[in-house]
Amino acid sequence: MERWTVRALFIATAALWLFTLFNDEGFVKMLKARREKERIYLRISELKARNSELEKQVHLLRTDLRYIERIAKDEMGLVRPDEIVVFFGD
């Protein structure tokens, strides 16, 4: 082959690679998809951990009377009839 033919083939091949890498359907899109996939997997992991915490809380609410009482006092401000509530100023 002549030198100009080899150069033309090299330039055409390089141009094709650059187009493939940097067009909207190429390498850049693949990298964006990988980042999105990683973000989704992280979110799934966070949601699984939160779901596990909620399952534990549901179990305690169904089975542990002391836990129920603590929630009633802390979150709802309830007290037993024989208890005296003392408030301290902040």
PDB file of N, CA and C in Angstrom:
ATOM      1  N   MET A   1       0.833  -1.184   0.000  1.00  0.00           N
ATOM      2  CA  MET A   1       0.000   0.000   0.000  1.00  0.00           C
ATOM      3  C   MET A   1       0.878   1.249   0.000  1.00  0.00           C
ATOM      4  N   GLU A   2       0.343   2.234  -0.560  1.00  0.00           N
ATOM      5  CA  GLU A   2       1.079   3.483  -0.582  1.00  0.00           C
ATOM      6  C   GLU A   2       0.978   4.174   0.770  1.00  0.00           C
ATOM      7  N   ARG A   3       1.897   5.067   1.013  1.00  0.00           N
ATOM      8  CA  ARG A   3       1.940   5.769   2.299  1.00  0.00           C
ATOM      9  C   ARG A   3       0.679   6.579   2.552  1.00  0.00           C
ATOM     10  N   TRP A   4       0.175   7.261   1.570  1.00  0.00           N
ATOM     11  CA  TRP A   4      -1.012   8.097   1.769  1.00  0.00           C
ATOM     12  C   TRP A   4      -2.231   7.242   2.093  1.00  0.00           C
ATOM     13  N   THR A   5      -2.297   6.018   1.547  1.00  0.00           N
ATOM     14  CA  THR A   5      -3.411   5.130   1.833  1.00  0.00           C
ATOM     15  C   THR A   5      -3.370   4.679   3.285  1.00  0.00           C
ATOM     16  N   VAL A   6      -2.185   4.348   3.772  1.00  0.00           N
ATOM     17  CA  VAL A   6      -2.030   3.937   5.175  1.00  0.00           C
ATOM     18  C   VAL A   6      -2.386   5.093   6.098  1.00  0.00           C
ATOM     19  N   ARG A   7      -1.933   6.273   5.762  1.00  0.00           N
ATOM     20  CA  ARG A   7      -2.255   7.450   6.574  1.00  0.00           C
ATOM     21  C   ARG A   7      -3.761   7.734   6.554  1.00  0.00           C
ATOM     22  N   ALA A   8      -4.356   7.639   5.403  1.00  0.00           N
ATOM     23  CA  ALA A   8      -5.794   7.872   5.288  1.00  0.00           C
ATOM     24  C   ALA A   8      -6.572   6.854   6.111  1.00  0.00           C
ATOM     25  N   LEU A   9      -6.168   5.599   6.058  1.00  0.00           N
ATOM     26  CA  LEU A   9      -6.815   4.564   6.873  1.00  0.00           C
ATOM     27  C   LEU A   9      -6.627   4.846   8.359  1.00  0.00           C
ATOM     28  N   PHE A  10      -5.429   5.269   8.752  1.00  0.00           N
ATOM     29  CA  PHE A  10      -5.165   5.587  10.158  1.00  0.00           C
ATOM     30  C   PHE A  10      -6.036   6.754  10.622  1.00  0.00           C
ATOM     31  N   ILE A  11      -6.112   7.791   9.805  1.00  0.00           N
ATOM     32  CA  ILE A  11      -6.912   8.967  10.161  1.00  0.00           C
ATOM     33  C   ILE A  11      -8.393   8.599  10.235  1.00  0.00           C
ATOM     34  N   ALA A  12      -8.848   7.811   9.286  1.00  0.00           N
ATOM     35  CA  ALA A  12     -10.253   7.400   9.292  1.00  0.00           C
ATOM     36  C   ALA A  12     -10.561   6.553  10.526  1.00  0.00           C
ATOM     37  N   THR A  13      -9.668   5.642  10.860  1.00  0.00           N
ATOM     38  CA  THR A  13      -9.860   4.796  12.043  1.00  0.00           C
ATOM     39  C   THR A  13      -9.849   5.636  13.309  1.00  0.00           C
ATOM     40  N   ALA A  14      -8.931   6.576  13.423  1.00  0.00           N
ATOM     41  CA  ALA A  14      -8.862   7.449  14.597  1.00  0.00           C
ATOM     42  C   ALA A  14     -10.129   8.297  14.710  1.00  0.00           C
ATOM     43  N   ALA A  15     -10.597   8.813  13.597  1.00  0.00           N
ATOM     44  CA  ALA A  15     -11.821   9.624  13.606  1.00  0.00           C
ATOM     45  C   ALA A  15     -13.017   8.778  14.037  1.00  0.00           C
ATOM     46  N   LEU A  16     -13.096   7.558  13.559  1.00  0.00           N
ATOM     47  CA  LEU A  16     -14.182   6.663  13.938  1.00  0.00           C
ATOM     48  C   LEU A  16     -14.141   6.358  15.437  1.00  0.00           C
ATOM     49  N   TRP A  17     -12.957   6.117  15.974  1.00  0.00           N
ATOM     50  CA  TRP A  17     -12.820   5.866  17.419  1.00  0.00           C
ATOM     51  C   TRP A  17     -13.241   7.088  18.234  1.00  0.00           C
ATOM     52  N   LEU A  18     -12.790   8.251  17.829  1.00  0.00           N
ATOM     53  CA  LEU A  18     -13.164   9.470  18.543  1.00  0.00           C
ATOM     54  C   LEU A  18     -14.664   9.700  18.490  1.00  0.00           C
ATOM     55  N   PHE A  19     -15.251   9.474  17.343  1.00  0.00           N
ATOM     56  CA  PHE A  19     -16.696   9.630  17.222  1.00  0.00           C
ATOM     57  C   PHE A  19     -17.421   8.642  18.136  1.00  0.00           C
ATOM     58  N   THR A  20     -16.963   7.401  18.153  1.00  0.00           N
ATOM     59  CA  THR A  20     -17.580   6.372  18.987  1.00  0.00           C
ATOM     60  C   THR A  20     -17.438   6.705  20.473  1.00  0.00           C
ATOM     61  N   LEU A  21     -16.304   7.213  20.865  1.00  0.00           N
ATOM     62  CA  LEU A  21     -16.071   7.513  22.275  1.00  0.00           C
ATOM     63  C   LEU A  21     -16.873   8.707  22.767  1.00  0.00           C
ATOM     64  N   PHE A  22     -16.996   9.713  21.956  1.00  0.00           N
ATOM     65  CA  PHE A  22     -17.519  10.973  22.462  1.00  0.00           C
ATOM     66  C   PHE A  22     -18.881  11.388  21.908  1.00  0.00           C
ATOM     67  N   ASN A  23     -19.513  10.564  21.112  1.00  0.00           N
ATOM     68  CA  ASN A  23     -20.869  10.935  20.696  1.00  0.00           C
ATOM     69  C   ASN A  23     -21.850  10.555  21.804  1.00  0.00           C
ATOM     70  N   ASP A  24     -23.097  10.885  21.631  1.00  0.00           N
ATOM     71  CA  ASP A  24     -24.094  10.664  22.681  1.00  0.00           C
ATOM     72  C   ASP A  24     -24.351   9.187  22.969  1.00  0.00           C
ATOM     73  N   GLU A  25     -23.991   8.319  22.073  1.00  0.00           N
ATOM     74  CA  GLU A  25     -24.253   6.896  22.250  1.00  0.00           C
ATOM     75  C   GLU A  25     -22.996   6.105  22.612  1.00  0.00           C
ATOM     76  N   GLY A  26     -21.909   6.770  22.881  1.00  0.00           N
ATOM     77  CA  GLY A  26     -20.641   6.074  23.053  1.00  0.00           C
ATOM     78  C   GLY A  26     -20.178   5.950  24.483  1.00  0.00           C
ATOM     79  N   PHE A  27     -18.903   6.091  24.638  1.00  0.00           N
ATOM     80  CA  PHE A  27     -18.204   5.862  25.901  1.00  0.00           C
ATOM     81  C   PHE A  27     -18.705   6.780  27.005  1.00  0.00           C
ATOM     82  N   VAL A  28     -18.939   8.030  26.696  1.00  0.00           N
ATOM     83  CA  VAL A  28     -19.393   8.994  27.702  1.00  0.00           C
ATOM     84  C   VAL A  28     -20.744   8.560  28.268  1.00  0.00           C
ATOM     85  N   LYS A  29     -21.628   8.095  27.392  1.00  0.00           N
ATOM     86  CA  LYS A  29     -22.931   7.621  27.848  1.00  0.00           C
ATOM     87  C   LYS A  29     -22.776   6.397  28.751  1.00  0.00           C
ATOM     88  N   MET A  30     -21.844   5.524  28.406  1.00  0.00           N
ATOM     89  CA  MET A  30     -21.587   4.353  29.232  1.00  0.00           C
ATOM     90  C   MET A  30     -21.086   4.769  30.621  1.00  0.00           C
ATOM     91  N   LEU A  31     -20.212   5.742  30.680  1.00  0.00           N
ATOM     92  CA  LEU A  31     -19.719   6.216  31.974  1.00  0.00           C
ATOM     93  C   LEU A  31     -20.838   6.819  32.811  1.00  0.00           C
ATOM     94  N   LYS A  32     -21.712   7.595  32.177  1.00  0.00           N
ATOM     95  CA  LYS A  32     -22.849   8.175  32.889  1.00  0.00           C
ATOM     96  C   LYS A  32     -23.763   7.076  33.420  1.00  0.00           C
ATOM     97  N   ALA A  33     -23.991   6.062  32.623  1.00  0.00           N
ATOM     98  CA  ALA A  33     -24.839   4.943  33.046  1.00  0.00           C
ATOM     99  C   ALA A  33     -24.216   4.210  34.232  1.00  0.00           C
ATOM    100  N   ARG A  34     -22.911   4.036  34.215  1.00  0.00           N
ATOM    101  CA  ARG A  34     -22.232   3.380  35.349  1.00  0.00           C
ATOM    102  C   ARG A  34     -22.376   4.206  36.632  1.00  0.00           C
ATOM    103  N   ARG A  35     -22.216   5.531  36.507  1.00  0.00           N
ATOM    104  CA  ARG A  35     -22.375   6.391  37.678  1.00  0.00           C
ATOM    105  C   ARG A  35     -23.804   6.322  38.212  1.00  0.00           C
ATOM    106  N   GLU A  36     -24.764   6.317  37.325  1.00  0.00           N
ATOM    107  CA  GLU A  36     -26.173   6.218  37.725  1.00  0.00           C
ATOM    108  C   GLU A  36     -26.449   4.870  38.396  1.00  0.00           C
ATOM    109  N   LYS A  37     -25.873   3.831  37.862  1.00  0.00           N
ATOM    110  CA  LYS A  37     -26.021   2.495  38.457  1.00  0.00           C
ATOM    111  C   LYS A  37     -25.446   2.457  39.865  1.00  0.00           C
ATOM    112  N   GLU A  38     -24.269   3.036  40.048  1.00  0.00           N
ATOM    113  CA  GLU A  38     -23.656   3.094  41.379  1.00  0.00           C
ATOM    114  C   GLU A  38     -24.534   3.877  42.347  1.00  0.00           C
ATOM    115  N   ARG A  39     -25.094   4.993  41.884  1.00  0.00           N
ATOM    116  CA  ARG A  39     -25.976   5.802  42.718  1.00  0.00           C
ATOM    117  C   ARG A  39     -27.219   5.015  43.117  1.00  0.00           C
ATOM    118  N   ILE A  40     -27.762   4.285  42.182  1.00  0.00           N
ATOM    119  CA  ILE A  40     -28.955   3.488  42.471  1.00  0.00           C
ATOM    120  C   ILE A  40     -28.630   2.373  43.460  1.00  0.00           C
ATOM    121  N   TYR A  41     -27.503   1.700  43.270  1.00  0.00           N
ATOM    122  CA  TYR A  41     -27.114   0.639  44.217  1.00  0.00           C
ATOM    123  C   TYR A  41     -26.904   1.195  45.623  1.00  0.00           C
ATOM    124  N   LEU A  42     -26.319   2.371  45.723  1.00  0.00           N
ATOM    125  CA  LEU A  42     -26.131   3.002  47.027  1.00  0.00           C
ATOM    126  C   LEU A  42     -27.480   3.307  47.667  1.00  0.00           C
ATOM    127  N   ARG A  43     -28.399   3.843  46.883  1.00  0.00           N
ATOM    128  CA  ARG A  43     -29.741   4.150  47.393  1.00  0.00           C
ATOM    129  C   ARG A  43     -30.465   2.879  47.836  1.00  0.00           C
ATOM    130  N   ILE A  44     -30.320   1.802  47.077  1.00  0.00           N
ATOM    131  CA  ILE A  44     -30.920   0.521  47.467  1.00  0.00           C
ATOM    132  C   ILE A  44     -30.349   0.058  48.787  1.00  0.00           C
ATOM    133  N   SER A  45     -29.050   0.180  48.961  1.00  0.00           N
ATOM    134  CA  SER A  45     -28.405  -0.213  50.209  1.00  0.00           C
ATOM    135  C   SER A  45     -28.927   0.608  51.386  1.00  0.00           C
ATOM    136  N   GLU A  46     -29.067   1.920  51.171  1.00  0.00           N
ATOM    137  CA  GLU A  46     -29.602   2.786  52.226  1.00  0.00           C
ATOM    138  C   GLU A  46     -31.038   2.402  52.578  1.00  0.00           C
ATOM    139  N   LEU A  47     -31.847   2.120  51.561  1.00  0.00           N
ATOM    140  CA  LEU A  47     -33.236   1.755  51.800  1.00  0.00           C
ATOM    141  C   LEU A  47     -33.358   0.403  52.504  1.00  0.00           C
ATOM    142  N   LYS A  48     -32.467  -0.535  52.172  1.00  0.00           N
ATOM    143  CA  LYS A  48     -32.482  -1.828  52.861  1.00  0.00           C
ATOM    144  C   LYS A  48     -32.142  -1.658  54.338  1.00  0.00           C
ATOM    145  N   ALA A  49     -31.168  -0.805  54.637  1.00  0.00           N
ATOM    146  CA  ALA A  49     -30.810  -0.551  56.036  1.00  0.00           C
ATOM    147  C   ALA A  49     -31.974   0.096  56.778  1.00  0.00           C
ATOM    148  N   ARG A  50     -32.617   1.072  56.149  1.00  0.00           N
ATOM    149  CA  ARG A  50     -33.773   1.738  56.768  1.00  0.00           C
ATOM    150  C   ARG A  50     -34.919   0.750  56.975  1.00  0.00           C
ATOM    151  N   ASN A  51     -35.145  -0.110  55.992  1.00  0.00           N
ATOM    152  CA  ASN A  51     -36.194  -1.120  56.086  1.00  0.00           C
ATOM    153  C   ASN A  51     -35.918  -2.073  57.248  1.00  0.00           C
ATOM    154  N   SER A  52     -34.668  -2.434  57.425  1.00  0.00           N
ATOM    155  CA  SER A  52     -34.286  -3.309  58.533  1.00  0.00           C
ATOM    156  C   SER A  52     -34.564  -2.635  59.878  1.00  0.00           C
ATOM    157  N   GLU A  53     -34.231  -1.347  59.983  1.00  0.00           N
ATOM    158  CA  GLU A  53     -34.508  -0.597  61.214  1.00  0.00           C
ATOM    159  C   GLU A  53     -36.007  -0.560  61.501  1.00  0.00           C
ATOM    160  N   LEU A  54     -36.803  -0.329  60.476  1.00  0.00           N
ATOM    161  CA  LEU A  54     -38.250  -0.260  60.651  1.00  0.00           C
ATOM    162  C   LEU A  54     -38.835  -1.619  61.037  1.00  0.00           C
ATOM    163  N   GLU A  55     -38.286  -2.687  60.468  1.00  0.00           N
ATOM    164  CA  GLU A  55     -38.750  -4.026  60.839  1.00  0.00           C
ATOM    165  C   GLU A  55     -38.464  -4.314  62.308  1.00  0.00           C
ATOM    166  N   LYS A  56     -37.300  -3.893  62.786  1.00  0.00           N
ATOM    167  CA  LYS A  56     -36.973  -4.071  64.208  1.00  0.00           C
ATOM    168  C   LYS A  56     -37.940  -3.273  65.081  1.00  0.00           C
ATOM    169  N   GLN A  57     -38.226  -2.049  64.658  1.00  0.00           N
ATOM    170  CA  GLN A  57     -39.143  -1.204  65.422  1.00  0.00           C
ATOM    171  C   GLN A  57     -40.549  -1.811  65.448  1.00  0.00           C
ATOM    172  N   VAL A  58     -41.006  -2.340  64.337  1.00  0.00           N
ATOM    173  CA  VAL A  58     -42.319  -2.988  64.293  1.00  0.00           C
ATOM    174  C   VAL A  58     -42.342  -4.178  65.237  1.00  0.00           C
ATOM    175  N   HIS A  59     -41.283  -4.972  65.222  1.00  0.00           N
ATOM    176  CA  HIS A  59     -41.213  -6.130  66.122  1.00  0.00           C
ATOM    177  C   HIS A  59     -41.294  -5.684  67.583  1.00  0.00           C
ATOM    178  N   LEU A  60     -40.538  -4.653  67.935  1.00  0.00           N
ATOM    179  CA  LEU A  60     -40.568  -4.158  69.312  1.00  0.00           C
ATOM    180  C   LEU A  60     -41.948  -3.607  69.681  1.00  0.00           C
ATOM    181  N   LEU A  61     -42.580  -2.915  68.765  1.00  0.00           N
ATOM    182  CA  LEU A  61     -43.911  -2.369  69.041  1.00  0.00           C
ATOM    183  C   LEU A  61     -44.946  -3.478  69.229  1.00  0.00           C
ATOM    184  N   ARG A  62     -44.726  -4.606  68.611  1.00  0.00           N
ATOM    185  CA  ARG A  62     -45.665  -5.727  68.751  1.00  0.00           C
ATOM    186  C   ARG A  62     -45.383  -6.587  69.972  1.00  0.00           C
ATOM    187  N   THR A  63     -44.158  -6.551  70.492  1.00  0.00           N
ATOM    188  CA  THR A  63     -43.786  -7.538  71.520  1.00  0.00           C
ATOM    189  C   THR A  63     -43.263  -6.953  72.827  1.00  0.00           C
ATOM    190  N   ASP A  64     -42.755  -5.732  72.842  1.00  0.00           N
ATOM    191  CA  ASP A  64     -42.061  -5.207  74.024  1.00  0.00           C
ATOM    192  C   ASP A  64     -42.860  -4.061  74.651  1.00  0.00           C
ATOM    193  N   LEU A  65     -43.477  -4.346  75.789  1.00  0.00           N
ATOM    194  CA  LEU A  65     -44.299  -3.336  76.461  1.00  0.00           C
ATOM    195  C   LEU A  65     -43.471  -2.158  76.969  1.00  0.00           C
ATOM    196  N   ARG A  66     -42.249  -2.410  77.406  1.00  0.00           N
ATOM    197  CA  ARG A  66     -41.390  -1.310  77.872  1.00  0.00           C
ATOM    198  C   ARG A  66     -41.049  -0.361  76.718  1.00  0.00           C
ATOM    199  N   TYR A  67     -40.817  -0.923  75.546  1.00  0.00           N
ATOM    200  CA  TYR A  67     -40.530  -0.099  74.372  1.00  0.00           C
ATOM    201  C   TYR A  67     -41.757   0.753  74.018  1.00  0.00           C
ATOM    202  N   ILE A  68     -42.927   0.137  74.049  1.00  0.00           N
ATOM    203  CA  ILE A  68     -44.156   0.872  73.757  1.00  0.00           C
ATOM    204  C   ILE A  68     -44.341   2.014  74.749  1.00  0.00           C
ATOM    205  N   GLU A  69     -44.089   1.746  76.022  1.00  0.00           N
ATOM    206  CA  GLU A  69     -44.232   2.788  77.045  1.00  0.00           C
ATOM    207  C   GLU A  69     -43.240   3.920  76.806  1.00  0.00           C
ATOM    208  N   ARG A  70     -42.023   3.563  76.455  1.00  0.00           N
ATOM    209  CA  ARG A  70     -41.012   4.591  76.208  1.00  0.00           C
ATOM    210  C   ARG A  70     -41.410   5.472  75.020  1.00  0.00           C
ATOM    211  N   ILE A  71     -41.914   4.858  73.959  1.00  0.00           N
ATOM    212  CA  ILE A  71     -42.372   5.630  72.795  1.00  0.00           C
ATOM    213  C   ILE A  71     -43.538   6.535  73.196  1.00  0.00           C
ATOM    214  N   ALA A  72     -44.472   5.993  73.974  1.00  0.00           N
ATOM    215  CA  ALA A  72     -45.634   6.777  74.406  1.00  0.00           C
ATOM    216  C   ALA A  72     -45.189   7.989  75.222  1.00  0.00           C
ATOM    217  N   LYS A  73     -44.202   7.803  76.077  1.00  0.00           N
ATOM    218  CA  LYS A  73     -43.717   8.908  76.912  1.00  0.00           C
ATOM    219  C   LYS A  73     -42.879   9.904  76.109  1.00  0.00           C
ATOM    220  N   ASP A  74     -41.915   9.388  75.356  1.00  0.00           N
ATOM    221  CA  ASP A  74     -40.972  10.258  74.649  1.00  0.00           C
ATOM    222  C   ASP A  74     -41.606  10.994  73.465  1.00  0.00           C
ATOM    223  N   GLU A  75     -42.388  10.291  72.682  1.00  0.00           N
ATOM    224  CA  GLU A  75     -42.890  10.885  71.449  1.00  0.00           C
ATOM    225  C   GLU A  75     -44.300  11.462  71.572  1.00  0.00           C
ATOM    226  N   MET A  76     -45.061  10.942  72.517  1.00  0.00           N
ATOM    227  CA  MET A  76     -46.441  11.396  72.625  1.00  0.00           C
ATOM    228  C   MET A  76     -46.708  12.185  73.903  1.00  0.00           C
ATOM    229  N   GLY A  77     -45.729  12.220  74.801  1.00  0.00           N
ATOM    230  CA  GLY A  77     -45.868  12.990  76.032  1.00  0.00           C
ATOM    231  C   GLY A  77     -46.846  12.387  77.037  1.00  0.00           C
ATOM    232  N   LEU A  78     -47.125  11.110  76.921  1.00  0.00           N
ATOM    233  CA  LEU A  78     -48.058  10.463  77.843  1.00  0.00           C
ATOM    234  C   LEU A  78     -47.365  10.088  79.146  1.00  0.00           C
ATOM    235  N   VAL A  79     -48.130  10.052  80.223  1.00  0.00           N
ATOM    236  CA  VAL A  79     -47.616   9.621  81.526  1.00  0.00           C
ATOM    237  C   VAL A  79     -48.653   8.701  82.165  1.00  0.00           C
ATOM    238  N   ARG A  80     -48.184   7.909  83.118  1.00  0.00           N
ATOM    239  CA  ARG A  80     -49.103   7.055  83.875  1.00  0.00           C
ATOM    240  C   ARG A  80     -49.874   7.926  84.863  1.00  0.00           C
ATOM    241  N   PRO A  81     -51.051   7.455  85.266  1.00  0.00           N
ATOM    242  CA  PRO A  81     -51.851   8.248  86.210  1.00  0.00           C
ATOM    243  C   PRO A  81     -51.131   8.524  87.539  1.00  0.00           C
ATOM    244  N   ASP A  82     -50.249   7.628  87.974  1.00  0.00           N
ATOM    245  CA  ASP A  82     -49.570   7.803  89.265  1.00  0.00           C
ATOM    246  C   ASP A  82     -48.222   8.520  89.137  1.00  0.00           C
ATOM    247  N   GLU A  83     -47.865   8.982  87.955  1.00  0.00           N
ATOM    248  CA  GLU A  83     -46.591   9.662  87.755  1.00  0.00           C
ATOM    249  C   GLU A  83     -46.760  11.175  87.864  1.00  0.00           C
ATOM    250  N   ILE A  84     -45.705  11.815  88.324  1.00  0.00           N
ATOM    251  CA  ILE A  84     -45.664  13.281  88.419  1.00  0.00           C
ATOM    252  C   ILE A  84     -44.638  13.773  87.405  1.00  0.00           C
ATOM    253  N   VAL A  85     -45.039  14.720  86.596  1.00  0.00           N
ATOM    254  CA  VAL A  85     -44.144  15.267  85.565  1.00  0.00           C
ATOM    255  C   VAL A  85     -43.561  16.565  86.089  1.00  0.00           C
ATOM    256  N   VAL A  86     -42.249  16.666  86.029  1.00  0.00           N
ATOM    257  CA  VAL A  86     -41.550  17.873  86.457  1.00  0.00           C
ATOM    258  C   VAL A  86     -40.823  18.441  85.237  1.00  0.00           C
ATOM    259  N   PHE A  87     -41.096  19.688  84.889  1.00  0.00           N
ATOM    260  CA  PHE A  87     -40.442  20.346  83.766  1.00  0.00           C
ATOM    261  C   PHE A  87     -39.347  21.257  84.263  1.00  0.00           C
ATOM    262  N   PHE A  88     -38.198  21.207  83.638  1.00  0.00           N
ATOM    263  CA  PHE A  88     -37.096  22.094  83.958  1.00  0.00           C
ATOM    264  C   PHE A  88     -36.943  23.070  82.793  1.00  0.00           C
ATOM    265  N   GLY A  89     -36.801  24.340  83.101  1.00  0.00           N
ATOM    266  CA  GLY A  89     -36.657  25.349  82.063  1.00  0.00           C
ATOM    267  C   GLY A  89     -35.322  25.220  81.339  1.00  0.00           C
ATOM    268  N   ASP A  90     -35.346  25.586  80.092  1.00  0.00           N
ATOM    269  CA  ASP A  90     -34.092  25.552  79.299  1.00  0.00           C
ATOM    270  C   ASP A  90     -33.397  26.871  79.362  1.00  0.00           C
TER     271      ASP A  90
END
